[in-house]
Amino acid sequence: MIDMAKARARTTTRKVKDRWKAKNWYTILAPSLFNNVPVAETLAESPDSLIGRVTEVSLQDITNDFRKSHIKLLFSIDKVEQNTAHTQLKGHLLTSDYLRRMIRRRKSRVDGVFDVETRDGALLRVKPFAIAEKRIQSSQKKLIRNVMNEVITKEGKAKTLNSFIKDCLEGKTGSEIYKHCKIYYPVKRIEVNKTEIIRLPTVIIEDEKPEEKPVEQPQELPKEPEVPAEEEIQPEKPESEPLAEDKEGQVEEELTAEDLVAEEKPKKKTKVKTATKKKTTAKKTTKKKKEETSVS
């Protein structure tokens, strides 16, 4: 009994080691495909314990686009430097509620699983699915799967791993499959449900960047002649003022043909008036002669 009491006393005297205080915080960065954006933070006792840890992040948190909230990305930590952890893309998947919204009664769903090798030597497993508006036969489903396989293998051989996954996330791969399936059967929607990276790229190939168009420099407009201010404009003084006779001659020369016509018109009126006066005088003389004859 005495030994048991001594042992309990020793355990109480020992300092309890707090594991949480011994751990450190590490920031997790996204891969270079997503511009190394900080994604999350995690606790760990040592950097070695972080390697291989998988984090799940929504694409909305990286791109700030709420339309991409149904896409989940899986990142695995492969390297730790100081307090930052670098990751690699492990794959992506769609949320279950998003899939349930698209699948309804009296519709057919066509799933496919294909292994694709990219141009840079990476191997990944792609799982697309298609939804038809009506129930279709098994032969039609088989035809749609064959079209899926042809398009995905063709796209994978022509592109690198980063560009292929980027097209899957943006929906370009699904739209390309939709164009080829449309010939055989009018499918409602096609999307890539899940991707899993089995083997990392063996050859480093840089993605082709879009060509930047040269910036056109604005052409300089011709400068307008400067107009002097009103105060600066001064009337030019004549060298010598003309004489009065010269002024009269200049005024006579400046008379136009309209002025001459206006001067001639009143002269005619005066002639008419003189003719009427002569007629009145002649009438008066004839009256006087008649009166004289009557009196005699």
C-alpha atoms as a PDB file:
ATOM      1  CA  MET A   1       0.000   0.000   0.000  1.00  0.00           C
ATOM      2  CA  ILE A   2       2.821   2.356   0.844  1.00  0.00           C
ATOM      3  CA  ASP A   3       4.486   1.677  -2.522  1.00  0.00           C
ATOM      4  CA  MET A   4       1.248   2.437  -4.398  1.00  0.00           C
ATOM      5  CA  ALA A   5       0.872   5.749  -2.626  1.00  0.00           C
ATOM      6  CA  LYS A   6       4.433   6.697  -3.455  1.00  0.00           C
ATOM      7  CA  ALA A   7       3.900   5.859  -7.131  1.00  0.00           C
ATOM      8  CA  ARG A   8       0.784   8.057  -7.290  1.00  0.00           C
ATOM      9  CA  ALA A   9       2.653  10.906  -5.689  1.00  0.00           C
ATOM     10  CA  ARG A  10       5.406  10.619  -8.259  1.00  0.00           C
ATOM     11  CA  THR A  11       2.944  10.753 -11.202  1.00  0.00           C
ATOM     12  CA  THR A  12       1.262  13.853  -9.817  1.00  0.00           C
ATOM     13  CA  THR A  13       4.592  15.587  -9.372  1.00  0.00           C
ATOM     14  CA  ARG A  14       5.526  14.921 -12.993  1.00  0.00           C
ATOM     15  CA  LYS A  15       4.670  17.712 -15.441  1.00  0.00           C
ATOM     16  CA  VAL A  16       1.983  16.778 -17.914  1.00  0.00           C
ATOM     17  CA  LYS A  17       3.237  17.393 -21.448  1.00  0.00           C
ATOM     18  CA  ASP A  18       0.720  19.259 -23.645  1.00  0.00           C
ATOM     19  CA  ARG A  19       0.853  17.902 -27.185  1.00  0.00           C
ATOM     20  CA  TRP A  20      -1.072  20.823 -28.682  1.00  0.00           C
ATOM     21  CA  LYS A  21       1.575  23.308 -27.569  1.00  0.00           C
ATOM     22  CA  ALA A  22       4.282  21.218 -29.214  1.00  0.00           C
ATOM     23  CA  LYS A  23       2.534  21.395 -32.618  1.00  0.00           C
ATOM     24  CA  ASN A  24       3.047  24.152 -35.217  1.00  0.00           C
ATOM     25  CA  TRP A  25       0.782  25.721 -37.810  1.00  0.00           C
ATOM     26  CA  TYR A  26       1.561  25.187 -41.527  1.00  0.00           C
ATOM     27  CA  THR A  27      -0.055  26.952 -44.495  1.00  0.00           C
ATOM     28  CA  ILE A  28      -1.012  24.701 -47.410  1.00  0.00           C
ATOM     29  CA  LEU A  29      -0.470  26.093 -50.921  1.00  0.00           C
ATOM     30  CA  ALA A  30      -2.264  24.968 -54.075  1.00  0.00           C
ATOM     31  CA  PRO A  31      -0.256  23.581 -57.042  1.00  0.00           C
ATOM     32  CA  SER A  32       1.160  25.767 -59.813  1.00  0.00           C
ATOM     33  CA  LEU A  33      -1.960  25.050 -61.903  1.00  0.00           C
ATOM     34  CA  PHE A  34      -3.885  27.274 -59.449  1.00  0.00           C
ATOM     35  CA  ASN A  35      -1.097  29.885 -59.042  1.00  0.00           C
ATOM     36  CA  ASN A  36       0.086  28.584 -55.622  1.00  0.00           C
ATOM     37  CA  VAL A  37      -2.847  30.180 -53.798  1.00  0.00           C
ATOM     38  CA  PRO A  38      -2.951  29.564 -49.998  1.00  0.00           C
ATOM     39  CA  VAL A  39      -5.741  27.057 -49.449  1.00  0.00           C
ATOM     40  CA  ALA A  40      -5.827  26.058 -45.763  1.00  0.00           C
ATOM     41  CA  GLU A  41      -3.836  25.744 -42.525  1.00  0.00           C
ATOM     42  CA  THR A  42      -3.051  22.621 -40.534  1.00  0.00           C
ATOM     43  CA  LEU A  43      -1.320  21.539 -37.320  1.00  0.00           C
ATOM     44  CA  ALA A  44       1.536  19.056 -37.121  1.00  0.00           C
ATOM     45  CA  GLU A  45       4.274  18.071 -34.691  1.00  0.00           C
ATOM     46  CA  SER A  46       6.912  17.789 -37.424  1.00  0.00           C
ATOM     47  CA  PRO A  47       7.116  18.486 -41.173  1.00  0.00           C
ATOM     48  CA  ASP A  48       7.576  14.795 -41.931  1.00  0.00           C
ATOM     49  CA  SER A  49       4.154  13.972 -40.549  1.00  0.00           C
ATOM     50  CA  LEU A  50       2.550  16.314 -43.136  1.00  0.00           C
ATOM     51  CA  ILE A  51       3.843  14.494 -46.221  1.00  0.00           C
ATOM     52  CA  GLY A  52       1.081  12.412 -47.804  1.00  0.00           C
ATOM     53  CA  ARG A  53      -1.736  14.280 -46.051  1.00  0.00           C
ATOM     54  CA  VAL A  54      -4.725  14.980 -48.353  1.00  0.00           C
ATOM     55  CA  THR A  55      -6.817  18.157 -48.177  1.00  0.00           C
ATOM     56  CA  GLU A  56     -10.180  18.696 -49.851  1.00  0.00           C
ATOM     57  CA  VAL A  57     -10.929  22.195 -51.176  1.00  0.00           C
ATOM     58  CA  SER A  58     -13.822  23.612 -53.201  1.00  0.00           C
ATOM     59  CA  LEU A  59     -12.993  25.289 -56.494  1.00  0.00           C
ATOM     60  CA  GLN A  60     -15.070  28.271 -55.383  1.00  0.00           C
ATOM     61  CA  ASP A  61     -12.528  29.043 -52.633  1.00  0.00           C
ATOM     62  CA  ILE A  62      -9.745  29.334 -55.217  1.00  0.00           C
ATOM     63  CA  THR A  63     -11.482  31.136 -58.089  1.00  0.00           C
ATOM     64  CA  ASN A  64     -14.125  33.068 -56.065  1.00  0.00           C
ATOM     65  CA  ASP A  65     -16.743  31.838 -58.564  1.00  0.00           C
ATOM     66  CA  PHE A  66     -19.916  30.556 -56.858  1.00  0.00           C
ATOM     67  CA  ARG A  67     -20.868  28.594 -60.000  1.00  0.00           C
ATOM     68  CA  LYS A  68     -17.932  26.226 -59.287  1.00  0.00           C
ATOM     69  CA  SER A  69     -18.985  25.386 -55.727  1.00  0.00           C
ATOM     70  CA  HIS A  70     -20.022  21.832 -56.722  1.00  0.00           C
ATOM     71  CA  ILE A  71     -16.439  20.877 -57.742  1.00  0.00           C
ATOM     72  CA  LYS A  72     -14.119  19.504 -55.047  1.00  0.00           C
ATOM     73  CA  LEU A  73     -10.340  19.341 -55.514  1.00  0.00           C
ATOM     74  CA  LEU A  74      -8.051  16.890 -53.727  1.00  0.00           C
ATOM     75  CA  PHE A  75      -4.486  18.050 -52.928  1.00  0.00           C
ATOM     76  CA  SER A  76      -1.782  15.843 -51.402  1.00  0.00           C
ATOM     77  CA  ILE A  77       1.215  17.408 -49.597  1.00  0.00           C
ATOM     78  CA  ASP A  78       4.560  16.377 -51.091  1.00  0.00           C
ATOM     79  CA  LYS A  79       7.050  18.981 -49.823  1.00  0.00           C
ATOM     80  CA  VAL A  80       7.397  21.230 -46.758  1.00  0.00           C
ATOM     81  CA  GLU A  81       9.565  24.359 -46.541  1.00  0.00           C
ATOM     82  CA  GLN A  82       9.684  26.168 -43.205  1.00  0.00           C
ATOM     83  CA  ASN A  83       5.984  26.829 -42.412  1.00  0.00           C
ATOM     84  CA  THR A  84       4.591  26.297 -45.927  1.00  0.00           C
ATOM     85  CA  ALA A  85       3.442  22.985 -47.395  1.00  0.00           C
ATOM     86  CA  HIS A  86       3.438  22.491 -51.179  1.00  0.00           C
ATOM     87  CA  THR A  87       0.891  20.168 -52.765  1.00  0.00           C
ATOM     88  CA  GLN A  88       0.134  18.223 -55.913  1.00  0.00           C
ATOM     89  CA  LEU A  89      -3.237  17.625 -57.510  1.00  0.00           C
ATOM     90  CA  LYS A  90      -4.595  14.184 -56.758  1.00  0.00           C
ATOM     91  CA  GLY A  91      -7.897  14.530 -58.608  1.00  0.00           C
ATOM     92  CA  HIS A  92     -11.338  16.071 -58.453  1.00  0.00           C
ATOM     93  CA  LEU A  93     -14.957  14.994 -57.964  1.00  0.00           C
ATOM     94  CA  LEU A  94     -18.477  16.450 -58.069  1.00  0.00           C
ATOM     95  CA  THR A  95     -20.677  16.742 -54.983  1.00  0.00           C
ATOM     96  CA  SER A  96     -23.457  14.179 -54.484  1.00  0.00           C
ATOM     97  CA  ASP A  97     -26.231  16.798 -54.206  1.00  0.00           C
ATOM     98  CA  TYR A  98     -25.244  18.239 -57.599  1.00  0.00           C
ATOM     99  CA  LEU A  99     -25.532  14.789 -59.193  1.00  0.00           C
ATOM    100  CA  ARG A 100     -28.908  14.142 -57.572  1.00  0.00           C
ATOM    101  CA  ARG A 101     -30.341  17.347 -58.992  1.00  0.00           C
ATOM    102  CA  MET A 102     -29.573  16.251 -62.554  1.00  0.00           C
ATOM    103  CA  ILE A 103     -30.720  12.641 -62.298  1.00  0.00           C
ATOM    104  CA  ARG A 104     -34.531  12.248 -62.313  1.00  0.00           C
ATOM    105  CA  ARG A 105     -37.069   9.523 -62.970  1.00  0.00           C
ATOM    106  CA  ARG A 106     -37.650   8.182 -66.455  1.00  0.00           C
ATOM    107  CA  LYS A 107     -34.168   9.233 -67.517  1.00  0.00           C
ATOM    108  CA  SER A 108     -31.096   7.184 -68.315  1.00  0.00           C
ATOM    109  CA  ARG A 109     -27.604   7.664 -66.960  1.00  0.00           C
ATOM    110  CA  VAL A 110     -24.549   6.399 -68.831  1.00  0.00           C
ATOM    111  CA  ASP A 111     -21.281   6.064 -66.850  1.00  0.00           C
ATOM    112  CA  GLY A 112     -17.836   5.375 -68.185  1.00  0.00           C
ATOM    113  CA  VAL A 113     -14.366   4.645 -66.723  1.00  0.00           C
ATOM    114  CA  PHE A 114     -11.338   5.222 -68.968  1.00  0.00           C
ATOM    115  CA  ASP A 115      -7.572   5.339 -68.399  1.00  0.00           C
ATOM    116  CA  VAL A 116      -5.888   8.108 -70.368  1.00  0.00           C
ATOM    117  CA  GLU A 117      -2.212   8.861 -70.940  1.00  0.00           C
ATOM    118  CA  THR A 118      -1.372  12.518 -71.566  1.00  0.00           C
ATOM    119  CA  ARG A 119       1.281  14.035 -73.796  1.00  0.00           C
ATOM    120  CA  ASP A 120       3.739  14.538 -70.924  1.00  0.00           C
ATOM    121  CA  GLY A 121       3.520  10.883 -69.806  1.00  0.00           C
ATOM    122  CA  ALA A 122       0.990  11.197 -66.960  1.00  0.00           C
ATOM    123  CA  LEU A 123      -1.625   8.501 -66.422  1.00  0.00           C
ATOM    124  CA  LEU A 124      -5.042   9.336 -65.017  1.00  0.00           C
ATOM    125  CA  ARG A 125      -8.430   7.703 -64.683  1.00  0.00           C
ATOM    126  CA  VAL A 126     -11.406   9.681 -66.011  1.00  0.00           C
ATOM    127  CA  LYS A 127     -15.023   8.940 -65.103  1.00  0.00           C
ATOM    128  CA  PRO A 128     -17.526  10.835 -67.269  1.00  0.00           C
ATOM    129  CA  PHE A 129     -21.302  10.430 -67.245  1.00  0.00           C
ATOM    130  CA  ALA A 130     -24.127  11.301 -69.619  1.00  0.00           C
ATOM    131  CA  ILE A 131     -27.826  11.880 -68.992  1.00  0.00           C
ATOM    132  CA  ALA A 132     -30.522  11.197 -71.594  1.00  0.00           C
ATOM    133  CA  GLU A 133     -34.008  12.694 -71.439  1.00  0.00           C
ATOM    134  CA  LYS A 134     -35.693   9.298 -71.965  1.00  0.00           C
ATOM    135  CA  ARG A 135     -34.962   5.677 -71.232  1.00  0.00           C
ATOM    136  CA  ILE A 136     -32.598   4.350 -73.880  1.00  0.00           C
ATOM    137  CA  GLN A 137     -31.534   0.868 -74.905  1.00  0.00           C
ATOM    138  CA  SER A 138     -28.297  -0.826 -73.871  1.00  0.00           C
ATOM    139  CA  SER A 139     -27.006  -0.660 -77.460  1.00  0.00           C
ATOM    140  CA  GLN A 140     -27.394   3.112 -77.428  1.00  0.00           C
ATOM    141  CA  LYS A 141     -25.566   3.314 -74.092  1.00  0.00           C
ATOM    142  CA  LYS A 142     -22.723   1.266 -75.528  1.00  0.00           C
ATOM    143  CA  LEU A 143     -22.489   3.630 -78.496  1.00  0.00           C
ATOM    144  CA  ILE A 144     -22.300   6.658 -76.202  1.00  0.00           C
ATOM    145  CA  ARG A 145     -19.521   5.007 -74.140  1.00  0.00           C
ATOM    146  CA  ASN A 146     -17.490   4.338 -77.284  1.00  0.00           C
ATOM    147  CA  VAL A 147     -17.783   8.000 -78.277  1.00  0.00           C
ATOM    148  CA  MET A 148     -16.672   9.037 -74.790  1.00  0.00           C
ATOM    149  CA  ASN A 149     -13.614   6.797 -74.979  1.00  0.00           C
ATOM    150  CA  GLU A 150     -12.585   8.076 -78.421  1.00  0.00           C
ATOM    151  CA  VAL A 151     -12.875  11.749 -77.488  1.00  0.00           C
ATOM    152  CA  ILE A 152     -11.108  11.437 -74.106  1.00  0.00           C
ATOM    153  CA  THR A 153      -8.161   9.434 -75.488  1.00  0.00           C
ATOM    154  CA  LYS A 154      -7.785  11.894 -78.359  1.00  0.00           C
ATOM    155  CA  GLU A 155      -7.874  14.908 -76.028  1.00  0.00           C
ATOM    156  CA  GLY A 156      -5.430  13.272 -73.589  1.00  0.00           C
ATOM    157  CA  LYS A 157      -2.780  12.500 -76.216  1.00  0.00           C
ATOM    158  CA  ALA A 158      -2.891  16.044 -77.571  1.00  0.00           C
ATOM    159  CA  LYS A 159      -2.657  17.866 -74.200  1.00  0.00           C
ATOM    160  CA  THR A 160      -0.579  17.937 -71.045  1.00  0.00           C
ATOM    161  CA  LEU A 161      -1.888  16.951 -67.624  1.00  0.00           C
ATOM    162  CA  ASN A 162      -2.526  20.534 -66.477  1.00  0.00           C
ATOM    163  CA  SER A 163      -4.323  21.578 -69.649  1.00  0.00           C
ATOM    164  CA  PHE A 164      -6.430  18.387 -69.723  1.00  0.00           C
ATOM    165  CA  ILE A 165      -7.592  18.813 -66.112  1.00  0.00           C
ATOM    166  CA  LYS A 166      -8.254  22.491 -66.718  1.00  0.00           C
ATOM    167  CA  ASP A 167     -10.560  21.605 -69.627  1.00  0.00           C
ATOM    168  CA  CYS A 168     -12.346  19.011 -67.461  1.00  0.00           C
ATOM    169  CA  LEU A 169     -12.980  21.590 -64.712  1.00  0.00           C
ATOM    170  CA  GLU A 170     -14.175  24.257 -67.148  1.00  0.00           C
ATOM    171  CA  GLY A 171     -16.505  21.808 -68.960  1.00  0.00           C
ATOM    172  CA  LYS A 172     -14.783  21.891 -72.361  1.00  0.00           C
ATOM    173  CA  THR A 173     -14.209  18.117 -72.402  1.00  0.00           C
ATOM    174  CA  GLY A 174     -17.894  17.458 -71.650  1.00  0.00           C
ATOM    175  CA  SER A 175     -19.036  19.815 -74.402  1.00  0.00           C
ATOM    176  CA  GLU A 176     -16.686  18.135 -76.892  1.00  0.00           C
ATOM    177  CA  ILE A 177     -18.167  14.717 -76.064  1.00  0.00           C
ATOM    178  CA  TYR A 178     -21.675  16.197 -76.342  1.00  0.00           C
ATOM    179  CA  LYS A 179     -20.985  17.389 -79.917  1.00  0.00           C
ATOM    180  CA  HIS A 180     -19.945  13.894 -81.045  1.00  0.00           C
ATOM    181  CA  CYS A 181     -22.793  12.101 -79.199  1.00  0.00           C
ATOM    182  CA  LYS A 182     -25.379  14.467 -80.629  1.00  0.00           C
ATOM    183  CA  ILE A 183     -25.044  12.768 -84.021  1.00  0.00           C
ATOM    184  CA  TYR A 184     -26.213   9.380 -82.691  1.00  0.00           C
ATOM    185  CA  TYR A 185     -28.592  10.347 -79.875  1.00  0.00           C
ATOM    186  CA  PRO A 186     -29.738  13.701 -78.404  1.00  0.00           C
ATOM    187  CA  VAL A 187     -28.057  13.539 -74.983  1.00  0.00           C
ATOM    188  CA  LYS A 188     -29.137  16.160 -72.462  1.00  0.00           C
ATOM    189  CA  ARG A 189     -25.863  16.705 -70.570  1.00  0.00           C
ATOM    190  CA  ILE A 190     -22.349  15.242 -70.296  1.00  0.00           C
ATOM    191  CA  GLU A 191     -19.820  16.027 -67.554  1.00  0.00           C
ATOM    192  CA  VAL A 192     -16.669  14.543 -66.055  1.00  0.00           C
ATOM    193  CA  ASN A 193     -17.713  13.207 -62.671  1.00  0.00           C
ATOM    194  CA  LYS A 194     -14.307  12.248 -61.286  1.00  0.00           C
ATOM    195  CA  THR A 195     -10.598  12.170 -62.138  1.00  0.00           C
ATOM    196  CA  GLU A 196      -7.787  10.290 -60.384  1.00  0.00           C
ATOM    197  CA  ILE A 197      -4.106  10.855 -61.130  1.00  0.00           C
ATOM    198  CA  ILE A 198      -2.387   7.453 -61.096  1.00  0.00           C
ATOM    199  CA  ARG A 199       1.031   8.509 -62.388  1.00  0.00           C
ATOM    200  CA  LEU A 200       2.653  11.931 -62.404  1.00  0.00           C
ATOM    201  CA  PRO A 201       4.168  13.397 -65.606  1.00  0.00           C
ATOM    202  CA  THR A 202       7.512  11.896 -66.621  1.00  0.00           C
ATOM    203  CA  VAL A 203       8.421  14.667 -69.100  1.00  0.00           C
ATOM    204  CA  ILE A 204       8.264  18.380 -68.313  1.00  0.00           C
ATOM    205  CA  ILE A 205       6.385  20.179 -71.093  1.00  0.00           C
ATOM    206  CA  GLU A 206       5.431  23.812 -70.675  1.00  0.00           C
ATOM    207  CA  ASP A 207       1.896  24.721 -71.595  1.00  0.00           C
ATOM    208  CA  GLU A 208       1.465  26.964 -74.603  1.00  0.00           C
ATOM    209  CA  LYS A 209       0.652  30.474 -73.540  1.00  0.00           C
ATOM    210  CA  PRO A 210      -1.839  32.505 -75.590  1.00  0.00           C
ATOM    211  CA  GLU A 211      -0.212  34.981 -77.918  1.00  0.00           C
ATOM    212  CA  GLU A 212      -0.338  38.529 -76.646  1.00  0.00           C
ATOM    213  CA  LYS A 213      -1.513  41.025 -79.196  1.00  0.00           C
ATOM    214  CA  PRO A 214       0.722  44.095 -79.585  1.00  0.00           C
ATOM    215  CA  VAL A 215      -0.697  47.183 -78.011  1.00  0.00           C
ATOM    216  CA  GLU A 216      -1.506  49.789 -80.626  1.00  0.00           C
ATOM    217  CA  GLN A 217      -0.105  53.195 -79.761  1.00  0.00           C
ATOM    218  CA  PRO A 218      -2.510  56.090 -80.321  1.00  0.00           C
ATOM    219  CA  GLN A 219      -1.613  58.283 -83.266  1.00  0.00           C
ATOM    220  CA  GLU A 220      -0.777  61.881 -82.482  1.00  0.00           C
ATOM    221  CA  LEU A 221      -3.270  64.311 -83.944  1.00  0.00           C
ATOM    222  CA  PRO A 222      -1.916  67.336 -85.867  1.00  0.00           C
ATOM    223  CA  LYS A 223      -1.629  70.399 -83.723  1.00  0.00           C
ATOM    224  CA  GLU A 224      -4.107  73.169 -84.479  1.00  0.00           C
ATOM    225  CA  PRO A 225      -2.686  76.659 -85.110  1.00  0.00           C
ATOM    226  CA  GLU A 226      -2.803  78.820 -82.032  1.00  0.00           C
ATOM    227  CA  VAL A 227      -5.377  81.622 -82.251  1.00  0.00           C
ATOM    228  CA  PRO A 228      -4.223  84.832 -80.552  1.00  0.00           C
ATOM    229  CA  ALA A 229      -6.364  86.293 -77.828  1.00  0.00           C
ATOM    230  CA  GLU A 230      -8.757  89.185 -78.462  1.00  0.00           C
ATOM    231  CA  GLU A 231      -6.494  91.616 -76.655  1.00  0.00           C
ATOM    232  CA  GLU A 232      -3.536  90.675 -78.841  1.00  0.00           C
ATOM    233  CA  ILE A 233      -5.473  91.320 -82.097  1.00  0.00           C
ATOM    234  CA  GLN A 234      -4.898  94.940 -83.119  1.00  0.00           C
ATOM    235  CA  PRO A 235      -6.398  96.648 -86.192  1.00  0.00           C
ATOM    236  CA  GLU A 236      -3.894  97.473 -88.857  1.00  0.00           C
ATOM    237  CA  LYS A 237      -3.483 101.229 -89.385  1.00  0.00           C
ATOM    238  CA  PRO A 238      -3.594 102.473 -93.007  1.00  0.00           C
ATOM    239  CA  GLU A 239      -0.373 104.001 -94.237  1.00  0.00           C
ATOM    240  CA  SER A 240      -2.033 107.236 -95.502  1.00  0.00           C
ATOM    241  CA  GLU A 241      -5.683 108.294 -95.513  1.00  0.00           C
ATOM    242  CA  PRO A 242      -7.063 109.024 -99.034  1.00  0.00           C
ATOM    243  CA  LEU A 243      -8.257 112.530 -99.951  1.00  0.00           C
ATOM    244  CA  ALA A 244     -11.914 113.551-100.140  1.00  0.00           C
ATOM    245  CA  GLU A 245     -11.938 113.504-103.953  1.00  0.00           C
ATOM    246  CA  ASP A 246     -10.484 110.063-104.000  1.00  0.00           C
ATOM    247  CA  LYS A 247     -13.134 108.932-101.513  1.00  0.00           C
ATOM    248  CA  GLU A 248     -15.911 110.207-103.768  1.00  0.00           C
ATOM    249  CA  GLY A 249     -14.381 108.397-106.740  1.00  0.00           C
ATOM    250  CA  GLN A 250     -14.132 105.215-104.740  1.00  0.00           C
ATOM    251  CA  VAL A 251     -17.755 105.513-103.638  1.00  0.00           C
ATOM    252  CA  GLU A 252     -18.907 106.012-107.237  1.00  0.00           C
ATOM    253  CA  GLU A 253     -16.953 102.954-108.313  1.00  0.00           C
ATOM    254  CA  GLU A 254     -18.481 100.879-105.562  1.00  0.00           C
ATOM    255  CA  LEU A 255     -22.011 101.508-106.765  1.00  0.00           C
ATOM    256  CA  THR A 256     -23.391  98.315-108.162  1.00  0.00           C
ATOM    257  CA  ALA A 257     -25.857  97.742-111.005  1.00  0.00           C
ATOM    258  CA  GLU A 258     -28.716  97.372-108.508  1.00  0.00           C
ATOM    259  CA  ASP A 259     -28.085 100.879-107.195  1.00  0.00           C
ATOM    260  CA  LEU A 260     -28.162 102.294-110.736  1.00  0.00           C
ATOM    261  CA  VAL A 261     -31.472 100.566-111.429  1.00  0.00           C
ATOM    262  CA  ALA A 262     -32.889 101.965-108.192  1.00  0.00           C
ATOM    263  CA  GLU A 263     -31.852 105.479-109.271  1.00  0.00           C
ATOM    264  CA  GLU A 264     -33.389 105.145-112.739  1.00  0.00           C
ATOM    265  CA  LYS A 265     -36.822 104.051-111.454  1.00  0.00           C
ATOM    266  CA  PRO A 266     -37.856 107.364-109.817  1.00  0.00           C
ATOM    267  CA  LYS A 267     -36.876 109.279-113.001  1.00  0.00           C
ATOM    268  CA  LYS A 268     -39.485 107.384-115.002  1.00  0.00           C
ATOM    269  CA  LYS A 269     -42.131 108.223-112.426  1.00  0.00           C
ATOM    270  CA  THR A 270     -41.364 111.924-112.796  1.00  0.00           C
ATOM    271  CA  LYS A 271     -41.817 111.672-116.566  1.00  0.00           C
ATOM    272  CA  VAL A 272     -45.255 110.132-116.096  1.00  0.00           C
ATOM    273  CA  LYS A 273     -46.240 112.896-113.750  1.00  0.00           C
ATOM    274  CA  THR A 274     -45.211 115.594-116.306  1.00  0.00           C
ATOM    275  CA  ALA A 275     -47.267 113.881-118.994  1.00  0.00           C
ATOM    276  CA  THR A 276     -50.349 113.887-116.773  1.00  0.00           C
ATOM    277  CA  LYS A 277     -49.792 117.565-116.000  1.00  0.00           C
ATOM    278  CA  LYS A 278     -49.679 118.392-119.716  1.00  0.00           C
ATOM    279  CA  LYS A 279     -52.974 116.542-120.258  1.00  0.00           C
ATOM    280  CA  THR A 280     -54.705 118.455-117.457  1.00  0.00           C
ATOM    281  CA  THR A 281     -53.472 121.803-118.839  1.00  0.00           C
ATOM    282  CA  ALA A 282     -54.694 120.866-122.301  1.00  0.00           C
ATOM    283  CA  LYS A 283     -58.163 119.975-120.919  1.00  0.00           C
ATOM    284  CA  LYS A 284     -58.326 123.319-119.092  1.00  0.00           C
ATOM    285  CA  THR A 285     -57.476 125.269-122.298  1.00  0.00           C
ATOM    286  CA  THR A 286     -60.160 123.440-124.268  1.00  0.00           C
ATOM    287  CA  LYS A 287     -62.767 124.258-121.599  1.00  0.00           C
ATOM    288  CA  LYS A 288     -61.811 127.925-121.676  1.00  0.00           C
ATOM    289  CA  LYS A 289     -62.138 128.083-125.472  1.00  0.00           C
ATOM    290  CA  LYS A 290     -65.587 126.444-125.318  1.00  0.00           C
ATOM    291  CA  GLU A 291     -66.760 128.946-122.714  1.00  0.00           C
ATOM    292  CA  GLU A 292     -65.503 131.869-124.820  1.00  0.00           C
ATOM    293  CA  THR A 293     -67.337 130.625-127.908  1.00  0.00           C
ATOM    294  CA  SER A 294     -70.543 130.138-125.982  1.00  0.00           C
ATOM    295  CA  VAL A 295     -70.378 133.677-124.573  1.00  0.00           C
ATOM    296  CA  SER A 296     -69.790 135.234-127.957  1.00  0.00           C
END
